[in-house]
Amino acid sequence: MKGNAKKNTKGLLRFTTILGFLFTCFLCQFTYAKAVLKVATSGLNSDNREAIYSVSHQFEQLNPGVKIQFIFQSDTKLKGGLSKLLKQQNAVDIVIWHSGERLNDFIEQDLVLDITELWNDKQLNNQFTSINKDIVMMNGQSWAIPISYYQWGIYYKKSLFKRLAISPPENWQQFVDMLTIIKQNNIAPIYIGSKNLWPIGAWFEYLNLRLNGLEYHNAFVRGEVSANSERIKEVLEYWKNLIDRDYFFEKHQGKDLADGFPFIYRELAAIILSGHMVKPYMDEQIIDDIGFFPFPKIKNNIANIQVTPVDVMFIAKSSVQQEWAKKLILFAANKDVQTAFNAKIKQFPVNKHSIISNSNLLKEMQTSLNQAEGRTYFYDREVKKQYGQDNLEIWKAFLIKPDIKKTMIKMEQARINYLARNKESKISKE
């Protein structure tokens, strides 16, 4: 009996010891479990992923209590599903996104965390110029951190221009003369891809800016300008002139913007109006042969405005990791972090104390931006979603059949529909 009692006691002790060990392990695991920050972004190309992973790795090393988890989606998918994602509890904490109406729309839906107190406490006004601070402000409050920007302009192959004895134009007549020479050499002068609609907007935007100026263009974006006006007609006339001369790449309907650079390299097309976000799609072996020039001026009395989109980082109001999220966006605002991040993606850091990458293309863009008298942030990002979509569809049809009268009628109807929707929305909110 005594032997059995001793055996039972020893067995109980072993069981208790094992149980205690397992419980201790469980507590250790619980104690050292990391918080997870979910970051949504459309960075699908290798340069963007590498840059994003590099920043996140640095942050995790400095903050061992957190792990960053990425939600990578295509640009189209993220645009279509982000609102739903932001409305779900614990679905996303931070979004790398677009400034302008794209950001403002989510602010108006009460889906973005107000970071005004954080902005003021950390004196972020000292890190950014006024034009870049304004882009993340709404109703006197701060909503996001600007992290990167780039310019839309015209890319070309330097060796082709040299062979044809042409130079980057400074005005519209020089631009048309240049396109004529290219056409005479059996090369499509202008590549454009209309499979995705948004690149088309850059052509209307730049023509409107060069002919009518920034104030008028902004009024157009807000739906305050009738498409029946002579000034809109003039924009379409300039555009039609290029289309009628067959200056645009013919098979554009099945092509994306990024598809254009192989055509440029192979001299099947000569120029492309694009933003520098397509840099990862450029062939590294001949990138030194790619040049850049700004969209040419048309009227001397119109200010030199450049289309310059800004990307931002904001915190979802539904985030359950808001304190960690605040630490991450502050980290992304740092001048050294922005220097390294933008060097990898070959764009401009927004922090005014950061250093711009030593890239020939960026130097050419920087020269252009230094001469600019103002900025817009890209039509597709500035306009209300449905109104913008309607106009882009209309302009795609215009590229195929440039009927100015019918296009103006359709644009005016799109504007009337937008104003009616906007009025109904205001009434419902009241």
Protein backbone atom coordinates (compact mmCIF):
# COMPACT_ATOMS: atom_id res chain seq x y z
CA MET A 1 0.00 0.00 0.00
CA LYS A 2 2.82 2.36 0.95
CA GLY A 3 4.61 1.52 -2.35
CA ASN A 4 1.51 2.33 -4.35
CA ALA A 5 1.06 5.59 -2.46
CA LYS A 6 4.65 6.60 -3.26
CA LYS A 7 4.14 5.75 -6.92
CA ASN A 8 0.93 7.75 -7.03
CA THR A 9 2.62 10.70 -5.34
CA LYS A 10 5.54 10.62 -7.80
CA GLY A 11 3.15 10.34 -10.73
CA LEU A 12 1.14 13.26 -9.44
CA LEU A 13 4.32 15.30 -9.01
CA ARG A 14 5.42 14.51 -12.57
CA PHE A 15 1.99 15.39 -13.92
CA THR A 16 1.95 18.64 -11.93
CA THR A 17 5.46 19.48 -13.14
CA ILE A 18 4.55 18.85 -16.79
CA LEU A 19 1.33 20.81 -16.40
CA GLY A 20 3.23 23.67 -14.82
CA PHE A 21 5.80 23.63 -17.61
CA LEU A 22 3.10 23.70 -20.30
CA PHE A 23 1.28 26.50 -18.50
CA THR A 24 4.52 28.47 -18.23
CA CYS A 25 5.12 27.99 -21.96
CA PHE A 26 1.61 29.18 -22.66
CA LEU A 27 2.15 32.27 -20.52
CA CYS A 28 5.47 32.97 -22.23
CA GLN A 29 3.84 32.67 -25.62
CA PHE A 30 1.02 34.95 -24.53
CA THR A 31 3.45 37.44 -22.96
CA TYR A 32 5.63 37.68 -26.08
CA ALA A 33 2.87 37.49 -28.67
CA LYS A 34 3.32 40.29 -31.15
CA ALA A 35 0.70 42.79 -32.16
CA VAL A 36 -0.15 42.54 -35.86
CA LEU A 37 -0.42 45.68 -37.99
CA LYS A 38 -2.31 45.11 -41.23
CA VAL A 39 -1.21 47.41 -44.06
CA ALA A 40 -3.14 47.57 -47.35
CA THR A 41 -1.38 48.74 -50.51
CA SER A 42 -1.47 48.31 -54.26
CA GLY A 43 2.31 47.96 -54.56
CA LEU A 44 2.49 44.90 -56.78
CA ASN A 45 5.70 45.54 -58.73
CA SER A 46 9.05 44.35 -57.40
CA ASP A 47 10.52 47.80 -56.67
CA ASN A 48 7.54 48.84 -54.57
CA ARG A 49 7.42 45.56 -52.67
CA GLU A 50 11.13 45.69 -51.93
CA ALA A 51 10.85 49.28 -50.69
CA ILE A 52 7.81 48.53 -48.53
CA TYR A 53 9.35 45.38 -47.06
CA SER A 54 12.56 47.27 -46.27
CA VAL A 55 10.71 49.97 -44.33
CA SER A 56 8.58 47.43 -42.46
CA HIS A 57 11.66 45.36 -41.53
CA GLN A 58 13.37 48.44 -40.09
CA PHE A 59 10.26 49.29 -38.09
CA GLU A 60 9.93 45.75 -36.74
CA GLN A 61 13.57 45.74 -35.64
CA LEU A 62 13.04 48.98 -33.72
CA ASN A 63 9.71 47.72 -32.34
CA PRO A 64 9.99 43.97 -31.55
CA GLY A 65 6.48 43.93 -30.10
CA VAL A 66 4.81 44.29 -33.50
CA LYS A 67 4.61 42.36 -36.77
CA ILE A 68 3.52 44.00 -40.03
CA GLN A 69 1.23 42.01 -42.29
CA PHE A 70 0.59 43.27 -45.82
CA ILE A 71 -2.57 43.14 -47.87
CA PHE A 72 -1.27 43.42 -51.44
CA GLN A 73 -3.92 43.96 -54.10
CA SER A 74 -4.00 45.19 -57.67
CA ASP A 75 -4.73 48.88 -58.09
CA THR A 76 -8.13 48.12 -59.60
CA LYS A 77 -9.11 45.66 -56.87
CA LEU A 78 -8.00 47.95 -54.05
CA LYS A 79 -9.92 50.88 -55.54
CA GLY A 80 -13.07 48.78 -55.75
CA GLY A 81 -12.87 47.07 -52.36
CA LEU A 82 -11.13 49.47 -49.99
CA SER A 83 -14.31 51.10 -48.67
CA LYS A 84 -15.66 47.70 -47.62
CA LEU A 85 -12.33 46.77 -46.07
CA LEU A 86 -12.22 49.98 -44.01
CA LYS A 87 -15.70 49.36 -42.65
CA GLN A 88 -14.79 45.94 -41.25
CA GLN A 89 -13.47 45.72 -37.70
CA ASN A 90 -9.86 44.54 -37.55
CA ALA A 91 -9.61 44.12 -41.34
CA VAL A 92 -6.96 46.80 -41.93
CA ASP A 93 -4.99 49.25 -39.79
CA ILE A 94 -3.07 51.38 -42.30
CA VAL A 95 -3.57 52.13 -45.98
CA ILE A 96 -0.97 53.40 -48.46
CA TRP A 97 -3.22 55.38 -50.73
CA HIS A 98 -3.78 58.38 -53.01
CA SER A 99 -4.26 61.97 -51.96
CA GLY A 100 -6.99 64.26 -53.24
CA GLU A 101 -10.60 63.17 -53.63
CA ARG A 102 -9.57 59.52 -53.15
CA LEU A 103 -8.59 60.36 -49.56
CA ASN A 104 -11.31 62.97 -48.97
CA ASP A 105 -14.05 60.50 -49.90
CA PHE A 106 -13.04 58.16 -47.08
CA ILE A 107 -12.75 61.08 -44.66
CA GLU A 108 -16.32 62.13 -45.51
CA GLN A 109 -17.44 58.53 -44.88
CA ASP A 110 -15.84 58.74 -41.40
CA LEU A 111 -13.47 55.87 -42.19
CA VAL A 112 -10.17 57.69 -41.53
CA LEU A 113 -8.64 58.39 -38.12
CA ASP A 114 -8.07 62.07 -37.33
CA ILE A 115 -4.34 62.52 -36.57
CA THR A 116 -4.40 66.28 -35.92
CA GLU A 117 -3.23 65.89 -32.31
CA LEU A 118 -0.38 63.61 -33.37
CA TRP A 119 0.55 65.98 -36.21
CA ASN A 120 0.72 68.95 -33.84
CA ASP A 121 2.45 67.13 -30.97
CA LYS A 122 5.23 65.89 -33.25
CA GLN A 123 5.44 69.25 -35.06
CA LEU A 124 5.05 67.66 -38.48
CA ASN A 125 4.41 71.10 -39.99
CA ASN A 126 8.19 71.50 -39.87
CA GLN A 127 8.70 68.43 -42.07
CA PHE A 128 6.57 69.33 -45.09
CA THR A 129 6.05 72.29 -47.40
CA SER A 130 2.68 74.05 -47.31
CA ILE A 131 1.51 72.51 -50.61
CA ASN A 132 2.17 69.00 -49.27
CA LYS A 133 0.58 69.75 -45.89
CA ASP A 134 -2.57 71.05 -47.54
CA ILE A 135 -3.07 67.81 -49.48
CA VAL A 136 -3.69 65.85 -46.23
CA MET A 137 -5.82 68.54 -44.57
CA MET A 138 -9.60 68.73 -44.53
CA ASN A 139 -11.82 70.94 -42.36
CA GLY A 140 -8.71 72.22 -40.58
CA GLN A 141 -7.71 68.72 -39.46
CA SER A 142 -4.86 66.40 -40.47
CA TRP A 143 -5.71 62.94 -41.79
CA ALA A 144 -2.64 61.35 -43.38
CA ILE A 145 1.12 61.41 -43.84
CA PRO A 146 2.40 62.29 -47.35
CA ILE A 147 5.15 59.84 -48.27
CA SER A 148 5.92 60.12 -51.99
CA TYR A 149 5.22 62.12 -55.13
CA TYR A 150 6.07 62.07 -58.82
CA GLN A 151 5.48 64.14 -61.94
CA TRP A 152 3.45 63.35 -65.03
CA GLY A 153 5.24 64.32 -68.20
CA ILE A 154 6.52 62.98 -71.50
CA TYR A 155 9.07 60.18 -71.82
CA TYR A 156 11.02 59.53 -74.99
CA LYS A 157 14.01 57.60 -76.34
CA LYS A 158 17.03 59.89 -76.55
CA SER A 159 18.80 57.95 -79.29
CA LEU A 160 15.69 58.12 -81.51
CA PHE A 161 15.46 61.90 -81.07
CA LYS A 162 19.15 62.18 -81.90
CA ARG A 163 18.77 60.03 -85.01
CA LEU A 164 15.81 62.14 -86.21
CA ALA A 165 17.59 65.39 -85.26
CA ILE A 166 14.72 66.55 -83.03
CA SER A 167 14.78 68.06 -79.55
CA PRO A 168 12.29 68.15 -76.67
CA PRO A 169 9.82 70.94 -77.51
CA GLU A 170 9.16 73.99 -75.34
CA ASN A 171 5.90 75.10 -76.92
CA TRP A 172 2.94 73.64 -78.80
CA GLN A 173 4.11 74.49 -82.30
CA GLN A 174 7.45 72.81 -81.66
CA PHE A 175 5.54 69.85 -80.22
CA VAL A 176 3.39 69.43 -83.33
CA ASP A 177 6.39 69.89 -85.61
CA MET A 178 8.22 67.16 -83.67
CA LEU A 179 5.27 64.77 -83.99
CA THR A 180 5.08 65.45 -87.72
CA ILE A 181 8.71 64.46 -88.24
CA ILE A 182 8.20 61.28 -86.22
CA LYS A 183 5.09 60.40 -88.26
CA GLN A 184 7.02 60.95 -91.49
CA ASN A 185 9.49 58.31 -90.31
CA ASN A 186 6.69 55.73 -90.01
CA ILE A 187 6.72 55.71 -86.20
CA ALA A 188 3.57 56.19 -84.12
CA PRO A 189 4.24 59.58 -82.51
CA ILE A 190 2.27 59.11 -79.24
CA TYR A 191 1.70 55.90 -77.30
CA ILE A 192 -1.48 55.82 -75.25
CA GLY A 193 -3.18 52.88 -73.55
CA SER A 194 -6.92 53.09 -72.89
CA LYS A 195 -7.58 49.61 -71.52
CA ASN A 196 -7.57 51.30 -68.10
CA LEU A 197 -9.32 54.63 -68.44
CA TRP A 198 -7.41 56.80 -65.98
CA PRO A 199 -4.34 57.56 -68.19
CA ILE A 200 -6.66 59.24 -70.73
CA GLY A 201 -7.50 61.90 -68.16
CA ALA A 202 -3.93 63.22 -68.20
CA TRP A 203 -4.36 64.41 -71.79
CA PHE A 204 -7.53 66.36 -71.08
CA GLU A 205 -6.07 67.69 -67.84
CA TYR A 206 -2.85 69.00 -69.33
CA LEU A 207 -4.60 70.54 -72.35
CA ASN A 208 -7.11 72.24 -70.04
CA LEU A 209 -4.33 73.50 -67.77
CA ARG A 210 -2.26 74.82 -70.68
CA LEU A 211 -5.21 76.51 -72.40
CA ASN A 212 -7.36 77.68 -69.48
CA GLY A 213 -5.22 77.65 -66.33
CA LEU A 214 -5.42 76.12 -62.87
CA GLU A 215 -8.43 77.98 -61.49
CA TYR A 216 -10.59 77.08 -64.47
CA HIS A 217 -9.45 73.47 -64.42
CA ASN A 218 -10.25 73.13 -60.71
CA ALA A 219 -13.70 74.60 -61.36
CA PHE A 220 -14.19 72.03 -64.13
CA VAL A 221 -13.23 69.20 -61.77
CA ARG A 222 -15.81 70.43 -59.24
CA GLY A 223 -18.53 70.50 -61.92
CA GLU A 224 -18.78 74.30 -61.89
CA VAL A 225 -17.87 74.70 -65.57
CA SER A 226 -20.37 73.92 -68.31
CA ALA A 227 -19.03 71.58 -70.97
CA ASN A 228 -20.89 73.77 -73.47
CA SER A 229 -18.37 76.56 -72.95
CA GLU A 230 -16.05 77.74 -75.72
CA ARG A 231 -13.07 77.04 -73.48
CA ILE A 232 -13.91 73.34 -73.20
CA LYS A 233 -14.54 73.29 -76.94
CA GLU A 234 -11.02 74.68 -77.47
CA VAL A 235 -9.51 71.86 -75.38
CA LEU A 236 -11.30 69.29 -77.51
CA GLU A 237 -10.22 71.04 -80.71
CA TYR A 238 -6.56 70.81 -79.76
CA TRP A 239 -7.00 67.15 -78.84
CA LYS A 240 -8.94 66.40 -82.04
CA ASN A 241 -6.18 67.96 -84.12
CA LEU A 242 -3.73 65.37 -82.77
CA ILE A 243 -6.20 62.51 -83.27
CA ASP A 244 -7.11 63.54 -86.82
CA ARG A 245 -3.43 63.57 -87.78
CA ASP A 246 -3.10 59.97 -86.58
CA TYR A 247 -0.52 60.94 -83.98
CA PHE A 248 -1.89 58.52 -81.37
CA PHE A 249 -0.98 54.84 -81.23
CA GLU A 250 -3.72 53.02 -83.13
CA LYS A 251 -4.29 49.84 -81.09
CA HIS A 252 -4.64 51.58 -77.73
CA GLN A 253 -7.89 49.97 -76.56
CA GLY A 254 -6.29 46.68 -75.53
CA LYS A 255 -3.17 48.24 -74.00
CA ASP A 256 -2.25 49.49 -70.53
CA LEU A 257 -0.08 52.51 -69.88
CA ALA A 258 2.79 50.32 -68.65
CA ASP A 259 2.68 48.32 -71.90
CA GLY A 260 4.03 51.35 -73.72
CA PHE A 261 7.71 51.27 -72.88
CA PRO A 262 8.59 48.22 -75.03
CA PHE A 263 7.05 50.14 -77.96
CA ILE A 264 9.24 53.13 -77.07
CA TYR A 265 12.39 50.96 -76.83
CA ARG A 266 11.66 49.26 -80.18
CA GLU A 267 10.85 52.64 -81.80
CA LEU A 268 7.32 51.58 -82.68
CA ALA A 269 6.14 54.65 -80.75
CA ALA A 270 8.09 57.78 -79.90
CA ILE A 271 6.66 59.39 -76.76
CA ILE A 272 4.38 58.50 -73.86
CA LEU A 273 2.60 60.79 -71.40
CA SER A 274 3.00 59.08 -68.04
CA GLY A 275 3.83 59.39 -64.38
CA HIS A 276 7.05 58.01 -62.92
CA MET A 277 5.17 55.28 -61.04
CA VAL A 278 5.79 53.19 -64.20
CA LYS A 279 9.56 53.24 -63.63
CA PRO A 280 9.61 49.53 -62.57
CA TYR A 281 8.30 48.67 -66.04
CA MET A 282 11.26 50.34 -67.76
CA ASP A 283 14.06 48.11 -69.04
CA GLU A 284 17.07 48.73 -66.77
CA GLN A 285 19.48 47.96 -69.61
CA ILE A 286 18.41 50.99 -71.63
CA ILE A 287 16.92 53.26 -68.97
CA ASP A 288 19.79 55.72 -69.47
CA ASP A 289 18.47 56.19 -73.01
CA ILE A 290 15.09 57.37 -71.72
CA GLY A 291 14.57 61.11 -71.38
CA PHE A 292 11.82 63.29 -69.94
CA PHE A 293 10.31 66.66 -70.76
CA PRO A 294 7.29 68.50 -69.35
CA PHE A 295 4.02 68.87 -71.24
CA PRO A 296 4.63 71.84 -73.59
CA LYS A 297 3.10 75.24 -72.97
CA ILE A 298 0.43 76.50 -75.35
CA LYS A 299 -0.39 80.04 -74.21
CA ASN A 300 2.35 82.24 -72.80
CA ASN A 301 0.00 83.99 -70.37
CA ILE A 302 -1.04 80.73 -68.67
CA ALA A 303 0.91 79.66 -65.57
CA ASN A 304 3.14 76.59 -65.75
CA ILE A 305 1.20 73.97 -63.76
CA GLN A 306 2.50 70.42 -63.39
CA VAL A 307 0.45 67.29 -62.66
CA THR A 308 2.10 65.81 -59.58
CA PRO A 309 0.25 63.04 -57.67
CA VAL A 310 1.05 62.54 -53.98
CA ASP A 311 0.78 59.18 -52.22
CA VAL A 312 -0.11 59.11 -48.54
CA MET A 313 -0.43 56.79 -45.56
CA PHE A 314 -3.50 56.94 -43.31
CA ILE A 315 -4.92 55.02 -40.34
CA ALA A 316 -8.27 53.27 -40.60
CA LYS A 317 -10.71 54.48 -37.97
CA SER A 318 -11.74 50.83 -37.53
CA SER A 319 -8.17 49.84 -36.60
CA VAL A 320 -7.74 47.96 -33.33
CA GLN A 321 -4.01 48.78 -33.27
CA GLN A 322 -4.20 52.56 -33.43
CA GLU A 323 -1.24 53.23 -31.13
CA TRP A 324 1.06 50.99 -33.16
CA ALA A 325 -0.37 52.49 -36.35
CA LYS A 326 0.51 55.98 -35.14
CA LYS A 327 4.08 54.87 -34.50
CA LEU A 328 4.34 53.43 -38.00
CA ILE A 329 3.07 56.52 -39.82
CA LEU A 330 5.41 58.70 -37.75
CA PHE A 331 8.23 56.39 -38.79
CA ALA A 332 7.14 56.81 -42.44
CA ALA A 333 7.26 60.59 -42.04
CA ASN A 334 10.94 60.51 -41.01
CA LYS A 335 13.30 62.21 -43.48
CA ASP A 336 15.77 59.31 -43.60
CA VAL A 337 13.05 56.71 -44.06
CA GLN A 338 11.51 58.74 -46.89
CA THR A 339 14.95 59.18 -48.48
CA ALA A 340 15.58 55.41 -48.53
CA PHE A 341 12.04 54.44 -49.52
CA ASN A 342 11.82 56.83 -52.47
CA ALA A 343 15.35 56.00 -53.64
CA LYS A 344 14.16 52.42 -54.16
CA ILE A 345 11.02 53.35 -56.10
CA LYS A 346 12.71 56.29 -57.91
CA GLN A 347 10.21 58.91 -56.77
CA PHE A 348 10.44 62.11 -54.75
CA PRO A 349 10.31 62.07 -50.93
CA VAL A 350 7.79 64.54 -49.50
CA ASN A 351 9.69 65.36 -46.30
CA LYS A 352 11.49 68.58 -47.21
CA HIS A 353 14.62 67.50 -45.31
CA SER A 354 14.97 64.24 -47.26
CA ILE A 355 17.51 63.68 -50.04
CA ILE A 356 16.38 63.02 -53.61
CA SER A 357 17.78 59.93 -55.34
CA ASN A 358 20.68 60.48 -57.72
CA SER A 359 18.76 59.50 -60.86
CA ASN A 360 19.11 61.21 -64.26
CA LEU A 361 15.39 60.99 -64.90
CA LEU A 362 14.56 62.40 -61.47
CA LYS A 363 17.02 65.24 -62.06
CA GLU A 364 15.20 66.14 -65.28
CA MET A 365 11.87 66.03 -63.46
CA GLN A 366 13.24 68.07 -60.56
CA THR A 367 14.36 70.77 -63.01
CA SER A 368 10.85 70.79 -64.47
CA LEU A 369 9.17 70.96 -61.05
CA ASN A 370 11.47 73.77 -59.92
CA GLN A 371 10.10 75.84 -62.79
CA ALA A 372 6.45 75.01 -62.03
CA GLU A 373 4.11 77.74 -60.79
CA GLY A 374 1.63 75.34 -59.24
CA ARG A 375 0.47 71.74 -59.07
CA THR A 376 -2.51 69.52 -59.57
CA TYR A 377 -2.73 65.97 -58.27
CA PHE A 378 -4.05 64.10 -61.33
CA TYR A 379 -7.61 64.28 -62.66
CA ASP A 380 -8.64 60.74 -61.68
CA ARG A 381 -7.65 61.45 -58.07
CA GLU A 382 -9.18 64.92 -57.85
CA VAL A 383 -12.66 64.35 -59.23
CA LYS A 384 -15.65 62.66 -57.63
CA LYS A 385 -15.59 58.99 -58.59
CA GLN A 386 -18.69 58.59 -60.79
CA TYR A 387 -18.32 62.00 -62.45
CA GLY A 388 -14.71 61.20 -63.29
CA GLN A 389 -15.59 57.74 -64.58
CA ASP A 390 -18.29 59.18 -66.85
CA ASN A 391 -15.91 61.70 -68.41
CA LEU A 392 -13.15 59.13 -68.88
CA GLU A 393 -15.57 56.88 -70.77
CA ILE A 394 -16.56 59.85 -72.94
CA TRP A 395 -12.93 60.73 -73.67
CA LYS A 396 -12.10 57.15 -74.60
CA ALA A 397 -14.88 57.29 -77.20
CA PHE A 398 -13.51 60.66 -78.35
CA LEU A 399 -10.10 59.06 -79.00
CA ILE A 400 -11.80 56.62 -81.37
CA LYS A 401 -14.22 59.08 -83.00
CA PRO A 402 -13.46 62.71 -82.12
CA ASP A 403 -16.89 64.29 -82.55
CA ILE A 404 -16.63 67.53 -80.56
CA LYS A 405 -20.33 68.42 -80.51
CA LYS A 406 -21.49 64.99 -79.30
CA THR A 407 -18.66 64.86 -76.77
CA MET A 408 -19.62 68.24 -75.29
CA ILE A 409 -23.27 67.15 -75.01
CA LYS A 410 -22.25 63.94 -73.20
CA MET A 411 -19.85 65.81 -70.90
CA GLU A 412 -22.52 68.33 -70.00
CA GLN A 413 -24.99 65.55 -69.20
CA ALA A 414 -22.35 63.88 -67.01
CA ARG A 415 -21.91 67.18 -65.16
CA ILE A 416 -25.67 67.65 -64.68
CA ASN A 417 -25.96 64.09 -63.36
CA TYR A 418 -23.08 64.71 -60.95
CA LEU A 419 -24.59 67.94 -59.62
CA ALA A 420 -27.94 66.20 -59.11
CA ARG A 421 -26.28 63.33 -57.20
CA ASN A 422 -24.29 65.80 -55.14
CA LYS A 423 -27.42 67.81 -54.29
CA GLU A 424 -29.29 64.66 -53.28
CA SER A 425 -26.36 63.58 -51.11
CA LYS A 426 -26.31 66.94 -49.29
CA ILE A 427 -30.07 66.83 -48.74
CA SER A 428 -29.91 63.29 -47.32
CA LYS A 429 -27.13 64.28 -44.92
CA GLU A 430 -29.14 67.25 -43.68
